[in-house]
C-alpha atoms as a PDB file:
ATOM      1  CA  MET A   1     154.059 112.725  18.457  1.00  0.00           C
ATOM      2  CA  LEU A   2     155.742 115.526  17.445  1.00  0.00           C
ATOM      3  CA  GLU A   3     153.265 116.692  15.889  1.00  0.00           C
ATOM      4  CA  ASN A   4     150.592 117.066  17.916  1.00  0.00           C
ATOM      5  CA  LEU A   5     152.782 119.139  20.396  1.00  0.00           C
ATOM      6  CA  THR A   6     151.499 123.015  21.109  1.00  0.00           C
ATOM      7  CA  THR A   7     155.515 123.806  21.597  1.00  0.00           C
ATOM      8  CA  GLU A   8     156.084 121.708  17.863  1.00  0.00           C
ATOM      9  CA  ALA A   9     153.491 123.729  15.707  1.00  0.00           C
ATOM     10  CA  ARG A  10     154.063 126.756  12.337  1.00  0.00           C
ATOM     11  CA  ASN A  11     153.467 129.941  13.862  1.00  0.00           C
ATOM     12  CA  GLU A  12     150.427 131.816  11.130  1.00  0.00           C
ATOM     13  CA  LYS A  13     152.361 135.326  11.786  1.00  0.00           C
ATOM     14  CA  THR A  14     155.383 134.429  11.358  1.00  0.00           C
ATOM     15  CA  MET A  15     155.642 132.185   7.767  1.00  0.00           C
ATOM     16  CA  ASN A  16     157.405 135.040   6.158  1.00  0.00           C
ATOM     17  CA  LEU A  17     159.807 135.492   9.032  1.00  0.00           C
ATOM     18  CA  ASP A  18     162.502 135.781   6.807  1.00  0.00           C
ATOM     19  CA  GLU A  19     160.624 138.126   4.947  1.00  0.00           C
ATOM     20  CA  MET A  20     160.598 140.911   7.344  1.00  0.00           C
ATOM     21  CA  SER A  21     161.976 143.988   8.204  1.00  0.00           C
ATOM     22  CA  ILE A  22     163.625 144.067  11.418  1.00  0.00           C
ATOM     23  CA  VAL A  23     160.573 146.261  13.118  1.00  0.00           C
ATOM     24  CA  GLU A  24     158.188 143.766  12.069  1.00  0.00           C
ATOM     25  CA  PHE A  25     159.978 140.843  13.316  1.00  0.00           C
ATOM     26  CA  LEU A  26     160.501 142.336  16.589  1.00  0.00           C
ATOM     27  CA  THR A  27     156.925 143.885  17.077  1.00  0.00           C
ATOM     28  CA  THR A  28     155.276 140.442  15.669  1.00  0.00           C
ATOM     29  CA  MET A  29     157.828 139.203  18.350  1.00  0.00           C
ATOM     30  CA  ASN A  30     157.177 141.300  21.049  1.00  0.00           C
ATOM     31  CA  LYS A  31     153.080 140.594  21.075  1.00  0.00           C
ATOM     32  CA  GLU A  32     153.849 136.999  20.826  1.00  0.00           C
ATOM     33  CA  ASP A  33     155.870 137.291  23.873  1.00  0.00           C
ATOM     34  CA  GLU A  34     152.799 139.268  24.803  1.00  0.00           C
ATOM     35  CA  LYS A  35     150.304 135.925  25.744  1.00  0.00           C
ATOM     36  CA  VAL A  36     153.487 134.122  27.912  1.00  0.00           C
ATOM     37  CA  ALA A  37     151.980 136.036  30.687  1.00  0.00           C
ATOM     38  CA  LYS A  38     148.006 135.373  29.955  1.00  0.00           C
ATOM     39  CA  ALA A  39     149.057 132.177  29.438  1.00  0.00           C
ATOM     40  CA  VAL A  40     150.699 131.846  33.039  1.00  0.00           C
ATOM     41  CA  ASN A  41     147.752 133.134  34.520  1.00  0.00           C
ATOM     42  CA  ASP A  42     145.148 130.746  33.862  1.00  0.00           C
ATOM     43  CA  GLU A  43     147.736 128.564  35.376  1.00  0.00           C
ATOM     44  CA  ILE A  44     147.673 130.360  39.281  1.00  0.00           C
ATOM     45  CA  PRO A  45     145.735 128.169  40.746  1.00  0.00           C
ATOM     46  CA  SER A  46     148.155 124.886  40.087  1.00  0.00           C
ATOM     47  CA  ILE A  47     151.160 126.706  40.877  1.00  0.00           C
ATOM     48  CA  ALA A  48     149.535 127.784  44.209  1.00  0.00           C
ATOM     49  CA  LYS A  49     149.391 124.595  44.907  1.00  0.00           C
ATOM     50  CA  ALA A  50     153.002 123.666  44.236  1.00  0.00           C
ATOM     51  CA  VAL A  51     153.951 126.843  46.523  1.00  0.00           C
ATOM     52  CA  GLU A  52     151.580 125.350  49.059  1.00  0.00           C
ATOM     53  CA  GLU A  53     153.818 122.173  49.070  1.00  0.00           C
ATOM     54  CA  ILE A  54     156.913 123.592  49.248  1.00  0.00           C
ATOM     55  CA  ILE A  55     156.519 125.907  51.922  1.00  0.00           C
ATOM     56  CA  GLU A  56     155.274 122.293  54.135  1.00  0.00           C
ATOM     57  CA  VAL A  57     158.384 120.924  52.871  1.00  0.00           C
ATOM     58  CA  LYS A  58     160.797 123.582  53.487  1.00  0.00           C
ATOM     59  CA  LYS A  59     159.039 124.233  57.300  1.00  0.00           C
ATOM     60  CA  GLN A  60     160.425 120.670  57.377  1.00  0.00           C
ATOM     61  CA  GLY A  61     163.648 121.246  56.543  1.00  0.00           C
ATOM     62  CA  GLY A  62     163.066 119.261  53.194  1.00  0.00           C
ATOM     63  CA  ARG A  63     164.350 120.783  50.033  1.00  0.00           C
ATOM     64  CA  LEU A  64     163.231 121.815  46.888  1.00  0.00           C
ATOM     65  CA  ILE A  65     164.743 120.544  43.962  1.00  0.00           C
ATOM     66  CA  TYR A  66     163.916 121.484  39.757  1.00  0.00           C
ATOM     67  CA  ILE A  67     165.045 118.853  37.102  1.00  0.00           C
ATOM     68  CA  GLY A  68     165.430 119.305  33.537  1.00  0.00           C
ATOM     69  CA  ALA A  69     166.820 118.806  30.723  1.00  0.00           C
ATOM     70  CA  GLY A  70     168.467 122.126  28.208  1.00  0.00           C
ATOM     71  CA  THR A  71     166.401 125.304  28.516  1.00  0.00           C
ATOM     72  CA  SER A  72     164.565 123.753  31.558  1.00  0.00           C
ATOM     73  CA  GLY A  73     167.340 122.378  33.001  1.00  0.00           C
ATOM     74  CA  ARG A  74     168.642 125.982  32.455  1.00  0.00           C
ATOM     75  CA  ILE A  75     165.859 128.078  33.995  1.00  0.00           C
ATOM     76  CA  GLY A  76     165.603 125.725  37.133  1.00  0.00           C
ATOM     77  CA  LEU A  77     169.311 125.865  38.021  1.00  0.00           C
ATOM     78  CA  LEU A  78     169.153 129.652  36.934  1.00  0.00           C
ATOM     79  CA  ASP A  79     166.436 130.240  39.953  1.00  0.00           C
ATOM     80  CA  ALA A  80     168.515 127.438  42.484  1.00  0.00           C
ATOM     81  CA  VAL A  81     171.320 129.709  42.396  1.00  0.00           C
ATOM     82  CA  GLU A  82     169.920 132.798  42.902  1.00  0.00           C
ATOM     83  CA  CYS A  83     168.183 131.208  46.302  1.00  0.00           C
ATOM     84  CA  PRO A  84     171.361 131.951  48.925  1.00  0.00           C
ATOM     85  CA  PRO A  85     172.139 135.786  48.119  1.00  0.00           C
ATOM     86  CA  THR A  86     168.917 136.737  47.653  1.00  0.00           C
ATOM     87  CA  PHE A  87     166.902 135.145  50.488  1.00  0.00           C
ATOM     88  CA  GLY A  88     170.091 133.767  52.846  1.00  0.00           C
ATOM     89  CA  THR A  89     169.273 129.928  51.737  1.00  0.00           C
ATOM     90  CA  ASP A  90     171.979 127.568  52.126  1.00  0.00           C
ATOM     91  CA  PRO A  91     173.118 125.791  49.342  1.00  0.00           C
ATOM     92  CA  GLU A  92     171.846 122.770  49.535  1.00  0.00           C
ATOM     93  CA  GLU A  93     168.296 123.773  50.422  1.00  0.00           C
ATOM     94  CA  VAL A  94     166.713 124.437  46.716  1.00  0.00           C
ATOM     95  CA  LEU A  95     169.145 122.945  43.898  1.00  0.00           C
ATOM     96  CA  GLY A  96     168.554 122.463  40.353  1.00  0.00           C
ATOM     97  CA  LEU A  97     170.152 119.521  38.124  1.00  0.00           C
ATOM     98  CA  MET A  98     170.602 119.170  34.901  1.00  0.00           C
ATOM     99  CA  ALA A  99     171.047 116.164  32.142  1.00  0.00           C
ATOM    100  CA  GLY A 100     174.146 116.070  31.489  1.00  0.00           C
ATOM    101  CA  GLY A 101     175.395 117.924  35.226  1.00  0.00           C
ATOM    102  CA  GLU A 102     176.654 121.235  35.299  1.00  0.00           C
ATOM    103  CA  LYS A 103     179.332 120.911  32.501  1.00  0.00           C
ATOM    104  CA  ALA A 104     175.375 120.938  30.082  1.00  0.00           C
ATOM    105  CA  PHE A 105     175.471 125.050  31.262  1.00  0.00           C
ATOM    106  CA  ILE A 106     177.336 125.656  28.829  1.00  0.00           C
ATOM    107  CA  LYS A 107     177.384 122.830  26.342  1.00  0.00           C
ATOM    108  CA  ALA A 108     174.799 120.570  25.512  1.00  0.00           C
ATOM    109  CA  VAL A 109     175.195 116.826  26.182  1.00  0.00           C
ATOM    110  CA  GLU A 110     174.759 114.618  23.471  1.00  0.00           C
ATOM    111  CA  GLY A 111     171.714 112.168  24.563  1.00  0.00           C
ATOM    112  CA  ALA A 112     171.309 112.828  28.397  1.00  0.00           C
ATOM    113  CA  GLU A 113     167.778 113.685  28.151  1.00  0.00           C
ATOM    114  CA  ASP A 114     166.997 111.037  26.455  1.00  0.00           C
ATOM    115  CA  SER A 115     167.895 108.988  29.769  1.00  0.00           C
ATOM    116  CA  LYS A 116     164.842 107.882  31.981  1.00  0.00           C
ATOM    117  CA  ASP A 117     167.402 105.944  34.266  1.00  0.00           C
ATOM    118  CA  LEU A 118     169.779 109.068  34.523  1.00  0.00           C
ATOM    119  CA  GLY A 119     166.930 111.395  35.595  1.00  0.00           C
ATOM    120  CA  LYS A 120     166.579 108.744  38.559  1.00  0.00           C
ATOM    121  CA  GLU A 121     170.710 108.136  39.077  1.00  0.00           C
ATOM    122  CA  ASP A 122     170.669 111.925  39.386  1.00  0.00           C
ATOM    123  CA  LEU A 123     168.553 111.973  41.859  1.00  0.00           C
ATOM    124  CA  GLN A 124     169.938 109.765  43.786  1.00  0.00           C
ATOM    125  CA  ASN A 125     173.288 110.671  44.196  1.00  0.00           C
ATOM    126  CA  ILE A 126     171.906 113.749  45.624  1.00  0.00           C
ATOM    127  CA  ASP A 127     169.701 111.634  48.247  1.00  0.00           C
ATOM    128  CA  LEU A 128     166.627 111.965  47.767  1.00  0.00           C
ATOM    129  CA  THR A 129     164.076 112.031  50.531  1.00  0.00           C
ATOM    130  CA  ASN A 130     160.485 111.612  50.680  1.00  0.00           C
ATOM    131  CA  GLY A 131     160.928 115.055  52.544  1.00  0.00           C
ATOM    132  CA  ASP A 132     161.854 116.467  49.349  1.00  0.00           C
ATOM    133  CA  ILE A 133     160.255 118.178  47.025  1.00  0.00           C
ATOM    134  CA  VAL A 134     161.068 117.598  43.178  1.00  0.00           C
ATOM    135  CA  VAL A 135     159.407 120.001  40.077  1.00  0.00           C
ATOM    136  CA  GLY A 136     160.695 118.611  37.220  1.00  0.00           C
ATOM    137  CA  ILE A 137     160.522 121.291  33.737  1.00  0.00           C
ATOM    138  CA  ALA A 138     160.179 120.420  30.290  1.00  0.00           C
ATOM    139  CA  ALA A 139     158.490 121.940  27.356  1.00  0.00           C
ATOM    140  CA  SER A 140     157.084 119.704  25.868  1.00  0.00           C
ATOM    141  CA  GLY A 141     156.265 117.344  28.885  1.00  0.00           C
ATOM    142  CA  ARG A 142     157.846 114.400  27.547  1.00  0.00           C
ATOM    143  CA  THR A 143     161.253 114.548  27.905  1.00  0.00           C
ATOM    144  CA  PRO A 144     163.033 110.779  29.551  1.00  0.00           C
ATOM    145  CA  TYR A 145     165.462 112.763  31.749  1.00  0.00           C
ATOM    146  CA  VAL A 146     162.554 114.315  33.770  1.00  0.00           C
ATOM    147  CA  ILE A 147     159.844 111.161  33.686  1.00  0.00           C
ATOM    148  CA  GLY A 148     162.292 109.121  34.994  1.00  0.00           C
ATOM    149  CA  ALA A 149     162.969 111.437  37.735  1.00  0.00           C
ATOM    150  CA  LEU A 150     159.885 111.888  38.577  1.00  0.00           C
ATOM    151  CA  GLU A 151     159.041 107.909  38.361  1.00  0.00           C
ATOM    152  CA  TYR A 152     161.705 108.074  40.989  1.00  0.00           C
ATOM    153  CA  ALA A 153     160.875 110.471  43.350  1.00  0.00           C
ATOM    154  CA  ARG A 154     157.039 109.749  43.126  1.00  0.00           C
ATOM    155  CA  SER A 155     157.808 105.702  43.748  1.00  0.00           C
ATOM    156  CA  ILE A 156     159.693 107.351  47.316  1.00  0.00           C
ATOM    157  CA  GLY A 157     157.355 109.523  48.028  1.00  0.00           C
ATOM    158  CA  ALA A 158     158.658 112.351  47.274  1.00  0.00           C
ATOM    159  CA  PRO A 159     155.799 115.130  46.235  1.00  0.00           C
ATOM    160  CA  THR A 160     155.940 116.303  42.594  1.00  0.00           C
ATOM    161  CA  VAL A 161     155.104 119.021  40.187  1.00  0.00           C
ATOM    162  CA  ALA A 162     155.763 119.131  36.442  1.00  0.00           C
ATOM    163  CA  VAL A 163     155.787 122.029  34.233  1.00  0.00           C
ATOM    164  CA  SER A 164     155.355 121.772  31.142  1.00  0.00           C
ATOM    165  CA  CYS A 165     154.473 124.239  27.881  1.00  0.00           C
ATOM    166  CA  ASN A 166     151.796 121.611  26.207  1.00  0.00           C
ATOM    167  CA  LYS A 167     148.233 120.452  27.779  1.00  0.00           C
ATOM    168  CA  GLY A 168     148.534 116.721  28.681  1.00  0.00           C
ATOM    169  CA  SER A 169     151.065 116.366  29.098  1.00  0.00           C
ATOM    170  CA  ASP A 170     153.449 113.160  29.615  1.00  0.00           C
ATOM    171  CA  ILE A 171     154.716 114.433  33.201  1.00  0.00           C
ATOM    172  CA  GLY A 172     151.975 116.045  34.178  1.00  0.00           C
ATOM    173  CA  ARG A 173     150.205 112.103  34.264  1.00  0.00           C
ATOM    174  CA  ILE A 174     152.927 111.252  36.870  1.00  0.00           C
ATOM    175  CA  ALA A 175     153.678 114.267  39.149  1.00  0.00           C
ATOM    176  CA  ASP A 176     150.723 115.319  42.272  1.00  0.00           C
ATOM    177  CA  ILE A 177     150.841 118.841  40.647  1.00  0.00           C
ATOM    178  CA  SER A 178     150.473 119.327  36.863  1.00  0.00           C
ATOM    179  CA  ILE A 179     151.139 122.857  35.925  1.00  0.00           C
ATOM    180  CA  GLU A 180     150.570 122.994  32.393  1.00  0.00           C
ATOM    181  CA  VAL A 181     151.458 126.876  30.382  1.00  0.00           C
ATOM    182  CA  VAL A 182     150.460 126.883  26.955  1.00  0.00           C
ATOM    183  CA  ALA A 183     151.307 130.399  24.798  1.00  0.00           C
ATOM    184  CA  GLY A 184     150.825 129.108  21.717  1.00  0.00           C
ATOM    185  CA  PRO A 185     153.129 128.182  18.821  1.00  0.00           C
ATOM    186  CA  GLU A 186     156.712 129.514  18.931  1.00  0.00           C
ATOM    187  CA  VAL A 187     158.017 132.535  16.485  1.00  0.00           C
ATOM    188  CA  LEU A 188     161.064 130.457  15.663  1.00  0.00           C
ATOM    189  CA  THR A 189     159.043 127.097  15.128  1.00  0.00           C
ATOM    190  CA  GLY A 190     159.793 124.271  18.045  1.00  0.00           C
ATOM    191  CA  SER A 191     162.371 127.174  19.688  1.00  0.00           C
ATOM    192  CA  THR A 192     161.112 126.182  23.360  1.00  0.00           C
ATOM    193  CA  ARG A 193     163.952 128.801  24.876  1.00  0.00           C
ATOM    194  CA  LEU A 194     161.114 131.466  23.602  1.00  0.00           C
ATOM    195  CA  LYS A 195     157.539 131.694  24.481  1.00  0.00           C
ATOM    196  CA  ALA A 196     158.046 128.174  26.529  1.00  0.00           C
ATOM    197  CA  GLY A 197     161.514 129.014  28.096  1.00  0.00           C
ATOM    198  CA  THR A 198     159.352 132.773  29.154  1.00  0.00           C
ATOM    199  CA  ALA A 199     156.702 131.085  30.371  1.00  0.00           C
ATOM    200  CA  GLN A 200     158.903 128.663  32.677  1.00  0.00           C
ATOM    201  CA  LYS A 201     161.209 131.295  33.816  1.00  0.00           C
ATOM    202  CA  LEU A 202     158.026 133.297  34.935  1.00  0.00           C
ATOM    203  CA  ILE A 203     156.603 130.089  36.787  1.00  0.00           C
ATOM    204  CA  CYS A 204     160.456 129.458  38.386  1.00  0.00           C
ATOM    205  CA  ASN A 205     159.973 133.103  39.605  1.00  0.00           C
ATOM    206  CA  MET A 206     156.923 132.207  41.525  1.00  0.00           C
ATOM    207  CA  LEU A 207     157.465 128.971  43.115  1.00  0.00           C
ATOM    208  CA  SER A 208     160.866 129.670  44.746  1.00  0.00           C
ATOM    209  CA  THR A 209     159.896 133.872  45.457  1.00  0.00           C
ATOM    210  CA  ALA A 210     156.243 132.683  47.198  1.00  0.00           C
ATOM    211  CA  SER A 211     157.450 130.611  48.941  1.00  0.00           C
ATOM    212  CA  MET A 212     159.937 131.658  50.814  1.00  0.00           C
ATOM    213  CA  VAL A 213     157.787 134.922  51.306  1.00  0.00           C
ATOM    214  CA  GLY A 214     156.309 131.872  52.803  1.00  0.00           C
ATOM    215  CA  VAL A 215     158.773 130.434  54.825  1.00  0.00           C
ATOM    216  CA  GLY A 216     159.469 133.903  56.496  1.00  0.00           C
ATOM    217  CA  LYS A 217     162.141 135.298  54.509  1.00  0.00           C
ATOM    218  CA  VAL A 218     160.505 138.409  53.159  1.00  0.00           C
ATOM    219  CA  TYR A 219     159.041 141.528  55.427  1.00  0.00           C
ATOM    220  CA  GLY A 220     156.643 143.249  53.332  1.00  0.00           C
ATOM    221  CA  ASN A 221     157.619 143.484  49.996  1.00  0.00           C
ATOM    222  CA  LEU A 222     161.894 143.920  51.180  1.00  0.00           C
ATOM    223  CA  MET A 223     164.472 140.755  51.521  1.00  0.00           C
ATOM    224  CA  VAL A 224     165.888 141.108  54.438  1.00  0.00           C
ATOM    225  CA  ASP A 225     167.497 137.430  54.625  1.00  0.00           C
ATOM    226  CA  VAL A 226     169.974 138.848  51.569  1.00  0.00           C
ATOM    227  CA  GLN A 227     173.533 138.337  51.880  1.00  0.00           C
ATOM    228  CA  LEU A 228     175.684 140.776  52.359  1.00  0.00           C
ATOM    229  CA  THR A 229     178.858 139.478  48.869  1.00  0.00           C
ATOM    230  CA  ASN A 230     179.331 142.617  47.484  1.00  0.00           C
ATOM    231  CA  GLU A 231     179.192 146.466  47.902  1.00  0.00           C
ATOM    232  CA  LYS A 232     176.149 146.617  46.556  1.00  0.00           C
ATOM    233  CA  LEU A 233     174.439 144.130  48.709  1.00  0.00           C
ATOM    234  CA  VAL A 234     175.996 146.418  51.499  1.00  0.00           C
ATOM    235  CA  GLU A 235     174.301 148.976  50.482  1.00  0.00           C
ATOM    236  CA  ARG A 236     171.100 147.271  49.982  1.00  0.00           C
ATOM    237  CA  ALA A 237     170.598 145.756  53.174  1.00  0.00           C
ATOM    238  CA  LYS A 238     171.180 149.652  54.037  1.00  0.00           C
ATOM    239  CA  ARG A 239     168.286 150.345  52.475  1.00  0.00           C
ATOM    240  CA  ILE A 240     166.167 147.673  53.624  1.00  0.00           C
ATOM    241  CA  VAL A 241     166.576 148.230  56.867  1.00  0.00           C
ATOM    242  CA  MET A 242     166.450 152.122  56.486  1.00  0.00           C
ATOM    243  CA  GLU A 243     162.608 151.525  54.579  1.00  0.00           C
ATOM    244  CA  ALA A 244     162.043 149.086  57.174  1.00  0.00           C
ATOM    245  CA  THR A 245     162.177 151.346  59.985  1.00  0.00           C
ATOM    246  CA  SER A 246     162.107 155.124  58.989  1.00  0.00           C
ATOM    247  CA  CYS A 247     165.871 155.278  60.514  1.00  0.00           C
ATOM    248  CA  THR A 248     168.958 157.214  59.181  1.00  0.00           C
ATOM    249  CA  TYR A 249     171.438 155.899  56.741  1.00  0.00           C
ATOM    250  CA  ASP A 250     173.724 156.094  60.014  1.00  0.00           C
ATOM    251  CA  THR A 251     171.488 154.215  61.880  1.00  0.00           C
ATOM    252  CA  ALA A 252     170.935 151.558  59.566  1.00  0.00           C
ATOM    253  CA  GLU A 253     174.651 150.923  59.318  1.00  0.00           C
ATOM    254  CA  GLU A 254     175.251 151.050  62.906  1.00  0.00           C
ATOM    255  CA  TYR A 255     172.761 148.314  63.807  1.00  0.00           C
ATOM    256  CA  LEU A 256     174.598 146.347  60.601  1.00  0.00           C
ATOM    257  CA  GLU A 257     177.491 146.719  62.014  1.00  0.00           C
ATOM    258  CA  LYS A 258     176.107 144.881  66.027  1.00  0.00           C
ATOM    259  CA  THR A 259     174.431 142.619  64.329  1.00  0.00           C
ATOM    260  CA  ASN A 260     176.913 141.227  61.976  1.00  0.00           C
ATOM    261  CA  SER A 261     175.285 142.147  59.078  1.00  0.00           C
ATOM    262  CA  ASN A 262     171.839 140.364  60.056  1.00  0.00           C
ATOM    263  CA  SER A 263     169.035 142.281  58.150  1.00  0.00           C
ATOM    264  CA  LYS A 264     166.290 140.736  59.735  1.00  0.00           C
ATOM    265  CA  LEU A 265     167.699 141.388  63.069  1.00  0.00           C
ATOM    266  CA  ALA A 266     168.959 145.069  63.001  1.00  0.00           C
ATOM    267  CA  ILE A 267     165.147 145.815  62.165  1.00  0.00           C
ATOM    268  CA  VAL A 268     164.309 144.102  64.565  1.00  0.00           C
ATOM    269  CA  MET A 269     166.429 145.569  66.926  1.00  0.00           C
ATOM    270  CA  ILE A 270     165.358 148.935  66.011  1.00  0.00           C
ATOM    271  CA  LEU A 271     161.613 148.659  65.963  1.00  0.00           C
ATOM    272  CA  THR A 272     161.027 146.879  69.206  1.00  0.00           C
ATOM    273  CA  GLY A 273     164.089 148.992  71.443  1.00  0.00           C
ATOM    274  CA  LEU A 274     165.368 144.809  72.547  1.00  0.00           C
ATOM    275  CA  SER A 275     168.832 144.122  72.659  1.00  0.00           C
ATOM    276  CA  TYR A 276     170.685 141.489  70.487  1.00  0.00           C
ATOM    277  CA  GLU A 277     169.549 138.492  72.602  1.00  0.00           C
ATOM    278  CA  GLU A 278     166.039 139.580  73.375  1.00  0.00           C
ATOM    279  CA  SER A 279     165.945 140.563  69.458  1.00  0.00           C
ATOM    280  CA  LEU A 280     167.408 136.549  68.552  1.00  0.00           C
ATOM    281  CA  GLN A 281     165.373 134.750  70.822  1.00  0.00           C
ATOM    282  CA  ARG A 282     162.205 136.670  69.406  1.00  0.00           C
ATOM    283  CA  LEU A 283     163.144 135.840  65.858  1.00  0.00           C
ATOM    284  CA  GLU A 284     163.966 132.277  66.814  1.00  0.00           C
ATOM    285  CA  LYS A 285     160.349 132.521  68.315  1.00  0.00           C
ATOM    286  CA  THR A 286     158.576 133.217  65.662  1.00  0.00           C
ATOM    287  CA  LYS A 287     161.105 131.332  62.718  1.00  0.00           C
ATOM    288  CA  GLY A 288     162.606 134.354  61.070  1.00  0.00           C
ATOM    289  CA  PHE A 289     158.928 135.893  60.459  1.00  0.00           C
ATOM    290  CA  VAL A 290     159.928 140.028  61.005  1.00  0.00           C
ATOM    291  CA  ARG A 291     156.227 140.746  61.473  1.00  0.00           C
ATOM    292  CA  GLN A 292     155.741 138.281  63.962  1.00  0.00           C
ATOM    293  CA  ALA A 293     159.305 139.594  65.809  1.00  0.00           C
ATOM    294  CA  ILE A 294     157.758 143.163  66.667  1.00  0.00           C
ATOM    295  CA  ALA A 295     154.678 142.504  67.026  1.00  0.00           C
ATOM    296  CA  LYS A 296     155.187 139.970  70.177  1.00  0.00           C
END
């Protein structure tokens, strides 16, 4: 079956990879990478459907769950762990599961991706419900672990999304929404950590960021729910408040102190002139959307 997959085909432009100069190789690789964004662009209608579904799930309190094996699993897990510091989400709101468990992030667990049962079991272990959404990621589109996970999710009524890099993929036929990005054969035959991995990372970036915008985690293009876990982020929060309100550095610092480092609340207080309690009520009524809170 592998010979029918685009991700396993040989790239005619790199048949003499081992004879190229370093500059020739890097130039060729860069030109191949340029194809990825265009291929992702072709799938924007499907990506948009997935974002809409994720937003609906999030509004109802459900979880976004990425699941994959190998590079695909690592990419989903990476996107998941970045959501709490970037968007202030609870660590359980966006999860990344991969074949073989977290230890497989560092060292592959042989055979884990070949088991449909393990995919099902990993979702059962996190108590998947029909109020969650599952995004299965597999470059080939045929990884048994991901197939088993998507089949189980569908069986209990949870919405499902498949992200693959081959048309007519097995996981695409199972999922409610299929995103199939075809960027052509890899520079290094079958090494799907390259163009396929880049495509998957771009898609995960879109799914999480666009859906977080859709549930009020962003004001303008500012990450107003950023968590202040280090000095850099403390300073970033001050700049966010300054950018959003055109206030001074000292004012931003003052209001972040008043609000216990809550950038959203600081912005609403400064822009509306309301008290802490009144601004908090505004944000609660608008479900965290700053633009709506300052307009009322």
